[in-house]
Amino acid sequence: MAKVLICGANRGIGLELCRQYSSRGDQVIATCRSMSDELSALDVQTVTDFDVVGGESIHALQQQMDLDGTRIDILVHNAGILTHESLDNMDFEAIERQFHVNTMGPLRMVHGLLDSLAEGAKIGLVSSRMGSMGDNGSGGGYGYRISKAGLNAFAVSLARDLAERGIAVVVLHPGLVATRMTGGNGISPAKAATGLIGRMDELSLERSGKFMHAEGYELPW
């Protein structure tokens, strides 16, 4: 039985990750900005009013984990936002917001919880193939692409820096998933979560620092 922390857990992929990890017997801590009826129905520990941008929520969580002696075996950072910018419709404030949430947010989360990670822990950072420069054949999506490319970059550094502690890091693309973010287009969150959990289960130091599709193949940077 593992201790699993899911960030961004009140709906969509994060909710399904909580449901599937909990159903197989793992102890789940779920963080979110606001509670949902679906999350409250699960047998998981919840931390609400959780904001990865400012850092105060992360600091409070880390202090509580220290008091409880909690050590995290699996950390999956799923929280993120998406807006749409193009050369004809540029919004620099929206781009900056995505950078703070999608790039700085997971970096703050991992850095703030370093002392709470168990030896040999696993970190999964949910990104997107939109952050891949090698896979960009359509242009546009400036803020989201920038923010996810930034996440991908720091994840590789994390993999290198945490290897001596036996902690493995993977960047995860869930596929196009039918969530509020995508307007309901794509595969079910349940199918995406199953794939992501599969990638986390197979994650090792030898696989650390890779960019993986939930279906099991490696993506270009």
N, C-alpha and C. Protein backbone atom coordinates (compact mmCIF):
# COMPACT_ATOMS: atom_id res chain seq x y z
N MET A 1 0.85 -1.20 0.00
CA MET A 1 0.00 0.00 0.00
C MET A 1 0.88 1.24 0.00
N ALA A 2 0.63 2.12 -0.95
CA ALA A 2 1.43 3.32 -1.10
C ALA A 2 0.66 4.54 -0.60
N LYS A 3 1.41 5.55 -0.20
CA LYS A 3 0.83 6.85 0.13
C LYS A 3 0.93 7.72 -1.12
N VAL A 4 -0.24 8.12 -1.66
CA VAL A 4 -0.30 8.81 -2.95
C VAL A 4 -0.87 10.21 -2.75
N LEU A 5 -0.20 11.21 -3.30
CA LEU A 5 -0.69 12.59 -3.27
C LEU A 5 -1.04 13.01 -4.69
N ILE A 6 -2.29 13.43 -4.88
CA ILE A 6 -2.78 13.89 -6.17
C ILE A 6 -3.11 15.37 -6.05
N CYS A 7 -2.48 16.19 -6.87
CA CYS A 7 -2.75 17.64 -6.88
C CYS A 7 -3.63 17.98 -8.08
N GLY A 8 -4.77 18.61 -7.81
CA GLY A 8 -5.75 18.90 -8.85
C GLY A 8 -6.72 17.75 -8.97
N ALA A 9 -7.50 17.51 -7.90
CA ALA A 9 -8.17 16.21 -7.75
C ALA A 9 -9.69 16.26 -7.73
N ASN A 10 -10.30 17.41 -7.92
CA ASN A 10 -11.75 17.46 -7.70
C ASN A 10 -12.59 17.09 -8.90
N ARG A 11 -11.97 16.92 -10.07
CA ARG A 11 -12.73 16.52 -11.25
C ARG A 11 -11.77 15.95 -12.30
N GLY A 12 -12.35 15.44 -13.37
CA GLY A 12 -11.56 14.99 -14.51
C GLY A 12 -10.53 13.93 -14.19
N ILE A 13 -9.34 14.10 -14.76
CA ILE A 13 -8.29 13.10 -14.60
C ILE A 13 -7.89 12.94 -13.14
N GLY A 14 -7.74 14.06 -12.42
CA GLY A 14 -7.33 13.98 -11.02
C GLY A 14 -8.31 13.18 -10.17
N LEU A 15 -9.59 13.41 -10.38
CA LEU A 15 -10.62 12.65 -9.66
C LEU A 15 -10.50 11.17 -9.94
N GLU A 16 -10.31 10.82 -11.22
CA GLU A 16 -10.19 9.41 -11.58
C GLU A 16 -8.92 8.79 -11.02
N LEU A 17 -7.85 9.56 -10.97
CA LEU A 17 -6.63 9.04 -10.33
C LEU A 17 -6.90 8.71 -8.87
N CYS A 18 -7.59 9.60 -8.18
CA CYS A 18 -7.94 9.34 -6.77
C CYS A 18 -8.78 8.08 -6.65
N ARG A 19 -9.79 7.96 -7.51
CA ARG A 19 -10.70 6.82 -7.44
C ARG A 19 -9.96 5.50 -7.68
N GLN A 20 -9.10 5.48 -8.68
CA GLN A 20 -8.43 4.23 -9.02
C GLN A 20 -7.34 3.86 -8.04
N TYR A 21 -6.57 4.83 -7.59
CA TYR A 21 -5.56 4.52 -6.56
C TYR A 21 -6.24 4.06 -5.28
N SER A 22 -7.31 4.73 -4.87
CA SER A 22 -8.00 4.36 -3.64
C SER A 22 -8.62 2.97 -3.76
N SER A 23 -9.20 2.66 -4.92
CA SER A 23 -9.89 1.38 -5.09
C SER A 23 -8.93 0.20 -5.05
N ARG A 24 -7.66 0.44 -5.33
CA ARG A 24 -6.72 -0.68 -5.27
C ARG A 24 -6.02 -0.76 -3.91
N GLY A 25 -6.43 0.10 -2.98
CA GLY A 25 -5.96 -0.01 -1.61
C GLY A 25 -4.90 0.97 -1.18
N ASP A 26 -4.53 1.90 -2.06
CA ASP A 26 -3.54 2.90 -1.68
C ASP A 26 -4.19 4.00 -0.84
N GLN A 27 -3.39 4.65 0.00
CA GLN A 27 -3.86 5.79 0.80
C GLN A 27 -3.66 7.06 -0.01
N VAL A 28 -4.73 7.79 -0.24
CA VAL A 28 -4.70 8.93 -1.13
C VAL A 28 -4.93 10.23 -0.39
N ILE A 29 -4.07 11.20 -0.65
CA ILE A 29 -4.29 12.58 -0.22
C ILE A 29 -4.61 13.38 -1.48
N ALA A 30 -5.75 14.04 -1.50
CA ALA A 30 -6.22 14.77 -2.68
C ALA A 30 -6.25 16.26 -2.37
N THR A 31 -5.56 17.06 -3.18
CA THR A 31 -5.59 18.50 -2.99
C THR A 31 -6.37 19.14 -4.14
N CYS A 32 -7.10 20.20 -3.82
CA CYS A 32 -7.89 20.89 -4.84
C CYS A 32 -8.26 22.28 -4.33
N ARG A 33 -8.63 23.14 -5.26
CA ARG A 33 -9.06 24.48 -4.88
C ARG A 33 -10.43 24.45 -4.22
N SER A 34 -11.33 23.59 -4.70
CA SER A 34 -12.67 23.49 -4.13
C SER A 34 -13.14 22.05 -4.19
N MET A 35 -13.91 21.64 -3.21
CA MET A 35 -14.41 20.28 -3.12
C MET A 35 -15.51 20.05 -4.14
N SER A 36 -15.60 18.81 -4.63
CA SER A 36 -16.70 18.40 -5.48
C SER A 36 -17.44 17.25 -4.80
N ASP A 37 -18.69 17.06 -5.17
CA ASP A 37 -19.47 15.96 -4.59
C ASP A 37 -18.82 14.62 -4.91
N GLU A 38 -18.27 14.51 -6.12
CA GLU A 38 -17.65 13.25 -6.53
C GLU A 38 -16.41 12.94 -5.69
N LEU A 39 -15.61 13.96 -5.40
CA LEU A 39 -14.42 13.74 -4.58
C LEU A 39 -14.79 13.43 -3.14
N SER A 40 -15.77 14.13 -2.60
CA SER A 40 -16.17 13.91 -1.21
C SER A 40 -16.72 12.50 -0.99
N ALA A 41 -17.20 11.86 -2.06
CA ALA A 41 -17.76 10.52 -1.95
C ALA A 41 -16.68 9.44 -1.88
N LEU A 42 -15.44 9.80 -2.19
CA LEU A 42 -14.36 8.83 -2.18
C LEU A 42 -13.75 8.71 -0.79
N ASP A 43 -13.14 7.56 -0.54
CA ASP A 43 -12.48 7.32 0.74
C ASP A 43 -11.03 7.80 0.65
N VAL A 44 -10.88 9.14 0.58
CA VAL A 44 -9.56 9.74 0.49
C VAL A 44 -9.48 10.93 1.44
N GLN A 45 -8.26 11.28 1.82
CA GLN A 45 -8.03 12.48 2.62
C GLN A 45 -7.99 13.68 1.68
N THR A 46 -8.74 14.72 2.00
CA THR A 46 -8.80 15.88 1.09
C THR A 46 -8.23 17.12 1.76
N VAL A 47 -7.59 17.94 0.93
CA VAL A 47 -7.07 19.24 1.34
C VAL A 47 -7.65 20.26 0.37
N THR A 48 -8.59 21.07 0.84
CA THR A 48 -9.27 22.02 -0.03
C THR A 48 -8.69 23.43 0.13
N ASP A 49 -9.18 24.37 -0.68
CA ASP A 49 -8.65 25.73 -0.71
C ASP A 49 -7.15 25.71 -0.97
N PHE A 50 -6.72 24.77 -1.82
CA PHE A 50 -5.30 24.55 -2.07
C PHE A 50 -4.91 25.26 -3.37
N ASP A 51 -3.94 26.16 -3.26
CA ASP A 51 -3.51 26.97 -4.41
C ASP A 51 -2.01 26.80 -4.59
N VAL A 52 -1.60 26.27 -5.75
CA VAL A 52 -0.18 26.01 -5.98
C VAL A 52 0.58 27.26 -6.39
N VAL A 53 -0.11 28.36 -6.67
CA VAL A 53 0.56 29.54 -7.22
C VAL A 53 1.34 30.31 -6.16
N GLY A 54 0.72 30.59 -5.04
CA GLY A 54 1.37 31.43 -4.04
C GLY A 54 2.37 30.72 -3.16
N GLY A 55 2.18 29.44 -2.95
CA GLY A 55 3.10 28.69 -2.11
C GLY A 55 2.66 28.51 -0.68
N GLU A 56 1.73 29.35 -0.18
CA GLU A 56 1.30 29.25 1.22
C GLU A 56 0.63 27.90 1.49
N SER A 57 -0.21 27.44 0.55
CA SER A 57 -0.89 26.16 0.74
C SER A 57 0.10 25.01 0.80
N ILE A 58 1.12 25.06 -0.04
CA ILE A 58 2.12 24.01 -0.07
C ILE A 58 2.90 23.98 1.23
N HIS A 59 3.27 25.16 1.73
CA HIS A 59 4.02 25.25 2.99
C HIS A 59 3.19 24.68 4.14
N ALA A 60 1.92 25.01 4.18
CA ALA A 60 1.05 24.51 5.25
C ALA A 60 0.93 22.99 5.18
N LEU A 61 0.81 22.45 3.96
CA LEU A 61 0.71 21.00 3.79
C LEU A 61 1.99 20.32 4.22
N GLN A 62 3.12 20.90 3.87
CA GLN A 62 4.40 20.31 4.25
C GLN A 62 4.57 20.29 5.76
N GLN A 63 4.17 21.37 6.42
CA GLN A 63 4.25 21.42 7.88
C GLN A 63 3.37 20.36 8.52
N GLN A 64 2.16 20.17 7.98
CA GLN A 64 1.26 19.16 8.52
C GLN A 64 1.82 17.76 8.32
N MET A 65 2.43 17.52 7.17
CA MET A 65 3.03 16.22 6.92
C MET A 65 4.18 15.95 7.86
N ASP A 66 4.96 16.98 8.16
CA ASP A 66 6.04 16.83 9.13
C ASP A 66 5.50 16.44 10.50
N LEU A 67 4.41 17.09 10.92
CA LEU A 67 3.81 16.79 12.21
C LEU A 67 3.28 15.36 12.26
N ASP A 68 2.69 14.92 11.15
CA ASP A 68 2.10 13.59 11.10
C ASP A 68 3.12 12.50 10.78
N GLY A 69 4.31 12.90 10.37
CA GLY A 69 5.31 11.92 9.95
C GLY A 69 4.98 11.27 8.62
N THR A 70 4.22 11.96 7.77
CA THR A 70 3.79 11.41 6.49
C THR A 70 4.93 11.44 5.48
N ARG A 71 5.09 10.34 4.77
CA ARG A 71 6.05 10.27 3.68
C ARG A 71 5.32 9.82 2.42
N ILE A 72 5.50 10.56 1.34
CA ILE A 72 4.78 10.32 0.10
C ILE A 72 5.56 9.35 -0.78
N ASP A 73 4.88 8.31 -1.24
CA ASP A 73 5.49 7.36 -2.15
C ASP A 73 5.27 7.74 -3.61
N ILE A 74 4.11 8.31 -3.91
CA ILE A 74 3.76 8.69 -5.28
C ILE A 74 3.16 10.09 -5.26
N LEU A 75 3.73 11.00 -6.03
CA LEU A 75 3.20 12.35 -6.17
C LEU A 75 2.84 12.57 -7.64
N VAL A 76 1.57 12.88 -7.90
CA VAL A 76 1.13 13.19 -9.26
C VAL A 76 0.56 14.60 -9.26
N HIS A 77 1.22 15.48 -10.02
CA HIS A 77 0.74 16.86 -10.13
C HIS A 77 -0.05 16.98 -11.43
N ASN A 78 -1.36 17.20 -11.26
CA ASN A 78 -2.29 17.21 -12.38
C ASN A 78 -2.92 18.58 -12.62
N ALA A 79 -2.85 19.48 -11.65
CA ALA A 79 -3.53 20.77 -11.77
C ALA A 79 -2.97 21.59 -12.92
N GLY A 80 -3.84 22.25 -13.66
CA GLY A 80 -3.40 23.09 -14.76
C GLY A 80 -4.55 23.85 -15.37
N ILE A 81 -4.22 24.86 -16.17
CA ILE A 81 -5.23 25.65 -16.87
C ILE A 81 -4.83 25.78 -18.34
N LEU A 82 -5.83 26.05 -19.17
CA LEU A 82 -5.61 26.19 -20.61
C LEU A 82 -6.42 27.37 -21.14
N THR A 83 -5.75 28.29 -21.82
CA THR A 83 -6.43 29.32 -22.60
C THR A 83 -5.87 29.27 -24.02
N HIS A 84 -6.48 30.01 -24.92
CA HIS A 84 -6.12 29.89 -26.33
C HIS A 84 -5.66 31.24 -26.86
N GLU A 85 -4.39 31.30 -27.25
CA GLU A 85 -3.85 32.52 -27.84
C GLU A 85 -3.32 32.21 -29.24
N SER A 86 -3.38 33.20 -30.09
CA SER A 86 -2.80 33.10 -31.43
C SER A 86 -2.17 34.45 -31.75
N LEU A 87 -1.48 34.52 -32.86
CA LEU A 87 -0.89 35.80 -33.26
C LEU A 87 -1.95 36.86 -33.48
N ASP A 88 -3.15 36.43 -33.88
CA ASP A 88 -4.24 37.37 -34.11
C ASP A 88 -5.06 37.65 -32.85
N ASN A 89 -4.83 36.87 -31.82
CA ASN A 89 -5.61 37.01 -30.58
C ASN A 89 -4.68 36.74 -29.40
N MET A 90 -3.78 37.68 -29.15
CA MET A 90 -2.75 37.50 -28.13
C MET A 90 -3.22 38.11 -26.81
N ASP A 91 -2.97 37.36 -25.72
CA ASP A 91 -3.35 37.82 -24.38
C ASP A 91 -2.18 37.51 -23.45
N PHE A 92 -1.33 38.49 -23.20
CA PHE A 92 -0.12 38.26 -22.43
C PHE A 92 -0.41 37.98 -20.95
N GLU A 93 -1.48 38.55 -20.43
CA GLU A 93 -1.84 38.25 -19.05
C GLU A 93 -2.26 36.79 -18.90
N ALA A 94 -3.00 36.27 -19.87
CA ALA A 94 -3.39 34.87 -19.83
C ALA A 94 -2.18 33.96 -19.97
N ILE A 95 -1.24 34.34 -20.80
CA ILE A 95 -0.02 33.55 -20.95
C ILE A 95 0.75 33.50 -19.63
N GLU A 96 0.87 34.64 -18.99
CA GLU A 96 1.58 34.70 -17.71
C GLU A 96 0.88 33.85 -16.64
N ARG A 97 -0.45 33.90 -16.64
CA ARG A 97 -1.21 33.10 -15.68
C ARG A 97 -0.96 31.60 -15.89
N GLN A 98 -0.96 31.18 -17.15
CA GLN A 98 -0.69 29.76 -17.43
C GLN A 98 0.71 29.37 -16.98
N PHE A 99 1.67 30.25 -17.17
CA PHE A 99 3.03 29.95 -16.72
C PHE A 99 3.08 29.77 -15.21
N HIS A 100 2.40 30.66 -14.48
CA HIS A 100 2.41 30.54 -13.01
C HIS A 100 1.75 29.26 -12.54
N VAL A 101 0.64 28.87 -13.17
CA VAL A 101 -0.09 27.67 -12.73
C VAL A 101 0.57 26.40 -13.26
N ASN A 102 0.87 26.36 -14.55
CA ASN A 102 1.29 25.12 -15.19
C ASN A 102 2.78 24.82 -15.05
N THR A 103 3.59 25.85 -14.86
CA THR A 103 5.03 25.65 -14.74
C THR A 103 5.51 25.87 -13.32
N MET A 104 5.32 27.07 -12.81
CA MET A 104 5.77 27.37 -11.46
C MET A 104 5.00 26.58 -10.40
N GLY A 105 3.72 26.32 -10.65
CA GLY A 105 2.91 25.58 -9.68
C GLY A 105 3.49 24.21 -9.36
N PRO A 106 3.69 23.34 -10.36
CA PRO A 106 4.27 22.03 -10.05
C PRO A 106 5.69 22.10 -9.53
N LEU A 107 6.47 23.09 -9.98
CA LEU A 107 7.82 23.23 -9.44
C LEU A 107 7.77 23.60 -7.96
N ARG A 108 6.90 24.54 -7.61
CA ARG A 108 6.72 24.89 -6.19
C ARG A 108 6.26 23.68 -5.38
N MET A 109 5.35 22.90 -5.96
CA MET A 109 4.80 21.75 -5.25
C MET A 109 5.89 20.73 -4.92
N VAL A 110 6.64 20.36 -5.94
CA VAL A 110 7.68 19.36 -5.72
C VAL A 110 8.75 19.89 -4.77
N HIS A 111 9.20 21.12 -5.00
CA HIS A 111 10.24 21.69 -4.14
C HIS A 111 9.77 21.80 -2.70
N GLY A 112 8.53 22.21 -2.50
CA GLY A 112 8.00 22.38 -1.14
C GLY A 112 7.83 21.08 -0.40
N LEU A 113 7.67 19.97 -1.13
CA LEU A 113 7.42 18.68 -0.48
C LEU A 113 8.62 17.74 -0.54
N LEU A 114 9.78 18.28 -0.89
CA LEU A 114 10.96 17.42 -1.01
C LEU A 114 11.24 16.62 0.25
N ASP A 115 11.09 17.26 1.41
CA ASP A 115 11.39 16.57 2.66
C ASP A 115 10.33 15.55 3.03
N SER A 116 9.18 15.60 2.35
CA SER A 116 8.10 14.65 2.63
C SER A 116 8.08 13.47 1.67
N LEU A 117 9.00 13.47 0.70
CA LEU A 117 9.07 12.36 -0.24
C LEU A 117 9.87 11.21 0.36
N ALA A 118 9.32 10.02 0.26
CA ALA A 118 10.02 8.83 0.74
C ALA A 118 11.21 8.53 -0.15
N GLU A 119 12.20 7.84 0.39
CA GLU A 119 13.29 7.36 -0.44
C GLU A 119 12.70 6.42 -1.49
N GLY A 120 13.10 6.60 -2.73
CA GLY A 120 12.56 5.77 -3.79
C GLY A 120 11.17 6.17 -4.25
N ALA A 121 10.74 7.40 -3.92
CA ALA A 121 9.42 7.87 -4.33
C ALA A 121 9.37 8.07 -5.84
N LYS A 122 8.15 8.24 -6.35
CA LYS A 122 7.93 8.48 -7.78
C LYS A 122 7.15 9.78 -7.95
N ILE A 123 7.56 10.59 -8.94
CA ILE A 123 6.88 11.85 -9.24
C ILE A 123 6.39 11.81 -10.68
N GLY A 124 5.09 12.05 -10.86
CA GLY A 124 4.51 12.15 -12.19
C GLY A 124 3.99 13.56 -12.41
N LEU A 125 4.45 14.21 -13.46
CA LEU A 125 4.04 15.58 -13.78
C LEU A 125 3.20 15.54 -15.06
N VAL A 126 1.91 15.83 -14.92
CA VAL A 126 1.03 15.77 -16.08
C VAL A 126 1.27 17.00 -16.95
N SER A 127 1.75 16.75 -18.15
CA SER A 127 2.08 17.79 -19.10
C SER A 127 1.17 17.65 -20.31
N SER A 128 1.68 17.92 -21.48
CA SER A 128 0.92 17.79 -22.72
C SER A 128 1.89 17.72 -23.87
N ARG A 129 1.52 17.00 -24.92
CA ARG A 129 2.38 17.00 -26.10
C ARG A 129 2.39 18.37 -26.77
N MET A 130 1.49 19.26 -26.33
CA MET A 130 1.56 20.65 -26.80
C MET A 130 2.81 21.35 -26.29
N GLY A 131 3.45 20.78 -25.28
CA GLY A 131 4.70 21.32 -24.80
C GLY A 131 5.91 20.80 -25.56
N SER A 132 5.67 19.91 -26.52
CA SER A 132 6.74 19.35 -27.32
C SER A 132 7.04 20.25 -28.51
N MET A 133 8.29 20.65 -28.66
CA MET A 133 8.67 21.43 -29.83
C MET A 133 8.81 20.56 -31.06
N GLY A 134 9.23 19.31 -30.85
CA GLY A 134 9.36 18.40 -31.98
C GLY A 134 8.03 17.96 -32.55
N ASP A 135 6.96 18.09 -31.75
CA ASP A 135 5.64 17.62 -32.17
C ASP A 135 4.72 18.78 -32.59
N ASN A 136 5.24 19.99 -32.59
CA ASN A 136 4.41 21.16 -32.89
C ASN A 136 4.30 21.35 -34.40
N GLY A 137 3.18 20.89 -34.95
CA GLY A 137 2.98 21.04 -36.38
C GLY A 137 1.89 22.02 -36.74
N SER A 138 1.29 22.66 -35.72
CA SER A 138 0.14 23.52 -35.99
C SER A 138 0.31 24.96 -35.53
N GLY A 139 1.32 25.24 -34.69
CA GLY A 139 1.50 26.60 -34.17
C GLY A 139 0.43 26.95 -33.16
N GLY A 140 0.30 28.24 -32.85
CA GLY A 140 -0.70 28.71 -31.91
C GLY A 140 -0.48 28.19 -30.50
N GLY A 141 -1.51 28.35 -29.65
CA GLY A 141 -1.45 27.84 -28.28
C GLY A 141 -0.29 28.38 -27.49
N TYR A 142 0.01 29.65 -27.62
CA TYR A 142 1.26 30.20 -27.10
C TYR A 142 1.45 29.98 -25.60
N GLY A 143 0.48 30.37 -24.82
CA GLY A 143 0.64 30.27 -23.37
C GLY A 143 0.74 28.83 -22.89
N TYR A 144 -0.12 27.98 -23.40
CA TYR A 144 -0.13 26.58 -22.96
C TYR A 144 1.15 25.88 -23.40
N ARG A 145 1.56 26.12 -24.64
CA ARG A 145 2.80 25.49 -25.11
C ARG A 145 4.01 25.96 -24.30
N ILE A 146 4.09 27.26 -24.04
CA ILE A 146 5.20 27.80 -23.26
C ILE A 146 5.22 27.18 -21.86
N SER A 147 4.07 27.14 -21.23
CA SER A 147 4.01 26.67 -19.84
C SER A 147 4.33 25.18 -19.73
N LYS A 148 3.87 24.39 -20.69
CA LYS A 148 4.15 22.96 -20.63
C LYS A 148 5.58 22.64 -21.05
N ALA A 149 6.12 23.42 -21.98
CA ALA A 149 7.54 23.24 -22.33
C ALA A 149 8.43 23.55 -21.12
N GLY A 150 8.04 24.58 -20.35
CA GLY A 150 8.78 24.90 -19.14
C GLY A 150 8.72 23.78 -18.12
N LEU A 151 7.54 23.20 -17.95
CA LEU A 151 7.38 22.06 -17.04
C LEU A 151 8.29 20.91 -17.50
N ASN A 152 8.26 20.62 -18.79
CA ASN A 152 9.08 19.53 -19.31
C ASN A 152 10.56 19.76 -19.02
N ALA A 153 11.00 21.01 -19.16
CA ALA A 153 12.41 21.33 -18.96
C ALA A 153 12.83 21.11 -17.51
N PHE A 154 12.02 21.61 -16.55
CA PHE A 154 12.46 21.46 -15.16
C PHE A 154 12.32 20.02 -14.69
N ALA A 155 11.40 19.26 -15.30
CA ALA A 155 11.24 17.86 -14.91
C ALA A 155 12.51 17.06 -15.18
N VAL A 156 13.18 17.36 -16.29
CA VAL A 156 14.42 16.65 -16.60
C VAL A 156 15.49 16.98 -15.56
N SER A 157 15.57 18.24 -15.14
CA SER A 157 16.52 18.61 -14.09
C SER A 157 16.18 17.92 -12.77
N LEU A 158 14.89 17.85 -12.45
CA LEU A 158 14.48 17.14 -11.24
C LEU A 158 14.93 15.68 -11.29
N ALA A 159 14.74 15.05 -12.44
CA ALA A 159 15.13 13.65 -12.57
C ALA A 159 16.61 13.47 -12.28
N ARG A 160 17.42 14.39 -12.77
CA ARG A 160 18.86 14.30 -12.54
C ARG A 160 19.20 14.57 -11.07
N ASP A 161 18.59 15.60 -10.50
CA ASP A 161 18.93 16.02 -9.14
C ASP A 161 18.44 15.06 -8.08
N LEU A 162 17.34 14.35 -8.34
CA LEU A 162 16.75 13.47 -7.33
C LEU A 162 17.19 12.02 -7.47
N ALA A 163 17.97 11.73 -8.48
CA ALA A 163 18.39 10.34 -8.71
C ALA A 163 19.16 9.78 -7.52
N GLU A 164 19.98 10.61 -6.88
CA GLU A 164 20.79 10.12 -5.76
C GLU A 164 19.93 9.72 -4.57
N ARG A 165 18.69 10.21 -4.51
CA ARG A 165 17.76 9.78 -3.47
C ARG A 165 16.90 8.61 -3.93
N GLY A 166 17.14 8.14 -5.14
CA GLY A 166 16.35 7.03 -5.66
C GLY A 166 14.96 7.44 -6.10
N ILE A 167 14.75 8.75 -6.32
CA ILE A 167 13.44 9.26 -6.70
C ILE A 167 13.38 9.43 -8.22
N ALA A 168 12.38 8.82 -8.84
CA ALA A 168 12.23 8.87 -10.29
C ALA A 168 11.15 9.86 -10.68
N VAL A 169 11.35 10.53 -11.81
CA VAL A 169 10.45 11.56 -12.30
C VAL A 169 10.05 11.24 -13.73
N VAL A 170 8.77 11.39 -14.05
CA VAL A 170 8.32 11.19 -15.41
C VAL A 170 7.36 12.31 -15.80
N VAL A 171 7.47 12.76 -17.06
CA VAL A 171 6.53 13.72 -17.63
C VAL A 171 5.47 12.92 -18.38
N LEU A 172 4.20 13.22 -18.12
CA LEU A 172 3.10 12.40 -18.63
C LEU A 172 2.15 13.19 -19.51
N HIS A 173 1.87 12.65 -20.69
CA HIS A 173 0.82 13.20 -21.56
C HIS A 173 -0.37 12.24 -21.50
N PRO A 174 -1.54 12.69 -21.02
CA PRO A 174 -2.67 11.78 -20.85
C PRO A 174 -3.42 11.47 -22.13
N GLY A 175 -3.11 12.18 -23.22
CA GLY A 175 -3.93 12.09 -24.42
C GLY A 175 -4.96 13.20 -24.42
N LEU A 176 -5.77 13.25 -25.45
CA LEU A 176 -6.89 14.19 -25.49
C LEU A 176 -8.01 13.59 -24.66
N VAL A 177 -8.33 14.25 -23.54
CA VAL A 177 -9.26 13.68 -22.57
C VAL A 177 -10.51 14.55 -22.48
N ALA A 178 -11.65 13.91 -22.41
CA ALA A 178 -12.93 14.61 -22.36
C ALA A 178 -13.15 15.22 -20.98
N THR A 179 -12.64 16.43 -20.81
CA THR A 179 -12.80 17.16 -19.56
C THR A 179 -13.34 18.55 -19.87
N ARG A 180 -13.58 19.32 -18.82
CA ARG A 180 -14.02 20.70 -19.02
C ARG A 180 -12.98 21.50 -19.78
N MET A 181 -11.70 21.20 -19.57
CA MET A 181 -10.62 21.93 -20.23
C MET A 181 -10.69 21.75 -21.75
N THR A 182 -11.07 20.56 -22.21
CA THR A 182 -11.08 20.28 -23.65
C THR A 182 -12.45 20.42 -24.27
N GLY A 183 -13.42 20.89 -23.49
CA GLY A 183 -14.77 21.01 -24.02
C GLY A 183 -15.47 19.69 -24.19
N GLY A 184 -15.03 18.67 -23.45
CA GLY A 184 -15.67 17.36 -23.50
C GLY A 184 -15.23 16.48 -24.65
N ASN A 185 -14.15 16.84 -25.33
CA ASN A 185 -13.66 16.05 -26.46
C ASN A 185 -12.55 15.11 -26.02
N GLY A 186 -12.60 13.86 -26.50
CA GLY A 186 -11.51 12.94 -26.23
C GLY A 186 -11.94 11.69 -25.50
N ILE A 187 -10.95 10.96 -25.01
CA ILE A 187 -11.20 9.72 -24.28
C ILE A 187 -11.72 10.03 -22.88
N SER A 188 -12.23 9.03 -22.20
CA SER A 188 -12.77 9.25 -20.86
C SER A 188 -11.65 9.50 -19.87
N PRO A 189 -11.92 10.31 -18.83
CA PRO A 189 -10.91 10.49 -17.78
C PRO A 189 -10.50 9.18 -17.13
N ALA A 190 -11.43 8.23 -17.03
CA ALA A 190 -11.10 6.94 -16.43
C ALA A 190 -10.04 6.21 -17.24
N LYS A 191 -10.19 6.21 -18.58
CA LYS A 191 -9.20 5.55 -19.44
C LYS A 191 -7.85 6.25 -19.35
N ALA A 192 -7.87 7.59 -19.34
CA ALA A 192 -6.62 8.34 -19.22
C ALA A 192 -5.92 8.03 -17.90
N ALA A 193 -6.69 8.01 -16.81
CA ALA A 193 -6.11 7.74 -15.49
C ALA A 193 -5.50 6.35 -15.42
N THR A 194 -6.16 5.38 -16.02
CA THR A 194 -5.63 4.01 -16.04
C THR A 194 -4.27 3.98 -16.73
N GLY A 195 -4.15 4.69 -17.86
CA GLY A 195 -2.88 4.75 -18.55
C GLY A 195 -1.80 5.44 -17.74
N LEU A 196 -2.15 6.55 -17.09
CA LEU A 196 -1.17 7.28 -16.29
C LEU A 196 -0.68 6.44 -15.11
N ILE A 197 -1.60 5.74 -14.47
CA ILE A 197 -1.21 4.88 -13.35
C ILE A 197 -0.29 3.76 -13.84
N GLY A 198 -0.57 3.24 -15.02
CA GLY A 198 0.32 2.23 -15.59
C GLY A 198 1.72 2.74 -15.80
N ARG A 199 1.84 3.99 -16.26
CA ARG A 199 3.17 4.57 -16.46
C ARG A 199 3.86 4.80 -15.12
N MET A 200 3.11 5.20 -14.10
CA MET A 200 3.70 5.39 -12.78
C MET A 200 4.15 4.05 -12.19
N ASP A 201 3.36 3.01 -12.40
CA ASP A 201 3.72 1.69 -11.86
C ASP A 201 5.04 1.19 -12.46
N GLU A 202 5.26 1.45 -13.74
CA GLU A 202 6.47 0.95 -14.39
C GLU A 202 7.65 1.91 -14.26
N LEU A 203 7.44 3.08 -13.67
CA LEU A 203 8.50 4.07 -13.54
C LEU A 203 9.63 3.56 -12.65
N SER A 204 10.84 3.74 -13.13
CA SER A 204 12.05 3.36 -12.39
C SER A 204 13.11 4.41 -12.65
N LEU A 205 14.23 4.30 -11.96
CA LEU A 205 15.33 5.25 -12.19
C LEU A 205 15.84 5.15 -13.62
N GLU A 206 15.77 3.97 -14.21
CA GLU A 206 16.22 3.80 -15.59
C GLU A 206 15.31 4.54 -16.56
N ARG A 207 14.03 4.72 -16.19
CA ARG A 207 13.06 5.41 -17.05
C ARG A 207 12.90 6.88 -16.65
N SER A 208 13.57 7.30 -15.60
CA SER A 208 13.38 8.65 -15.08
C SER A 208 13.83 9.70 -16.09
N GLY A 209 13.08 10.82 -16.14
CA GLY A 209 13.44 11.91 -17.03
C GLY A 209 12.89 11.77 -18.43
N LYS A 210 11.94 10.85 -18.64
CA LYS A 210 11.36 10.65 -19.97
C LYS A 210 10.00 11.36 -20.08
N PHE A 211 9.57 11.56 -21.32
CA PHE A 211 8.29 12.20 -21.65
C PHE A 211 7.41 11.10 -22.27
N MET A 212 6.42 10.63 -21.50
CA MET A 212 5.68 9.44 -21.89
C MET A 212 4.21 9.75 -22.17
N HIS A 213 3.71 9.14 -23.24
CA HIS A 213 2.27 9.14 -23.50
C HIS A 213 1.64 8.12 -22.56
N ALA A 214 0.40 8.39 -22.13
CA ALA A 214 -0.30 7.45 -21.24
C ALA A 214 -0.42 6.07 -21.86
N GLU A 215 -0.40 6.00 -23.19
CA GLU A 215 -0.52 4.70 -23.85
C GLU A 215 0.78 3.90 -23.81
N GLY A 216 1.88 4.51 -23.38
CA GLY A 216 3.08 3.74 -23.13
C GLY A 216 4.26 4.01 -24.04
N TYR A 217 4.16 4.97 -24.95
CA TYR A 217 5.29 5.26 -25.81
C TYR A 217 5.88 6.63 -25.49
N GLU A 218 7.17 6.78 -25.84
CA GLU A 218 7.89 8.00 -25.51
C GLU A 218 7.60 9.08 -26.55
N LEU A 219 7.51 10.32 -26.07
CA LEU A 219 7.23 11.47 -26.93
C LEU A 219 8.49 12.30 -27.13
N PRO A 220 8.60 13.02 -28.25
CA PRO A 220 9.76 13.89 -28.49
C PRO A 220 9.66 15.17 -27.67
N TRP A 221 10.79 15.72 -27.29
CA TRP A 221 10.81 16.98 -26.58
C TRP A 221 10.53 18.15 -27.54
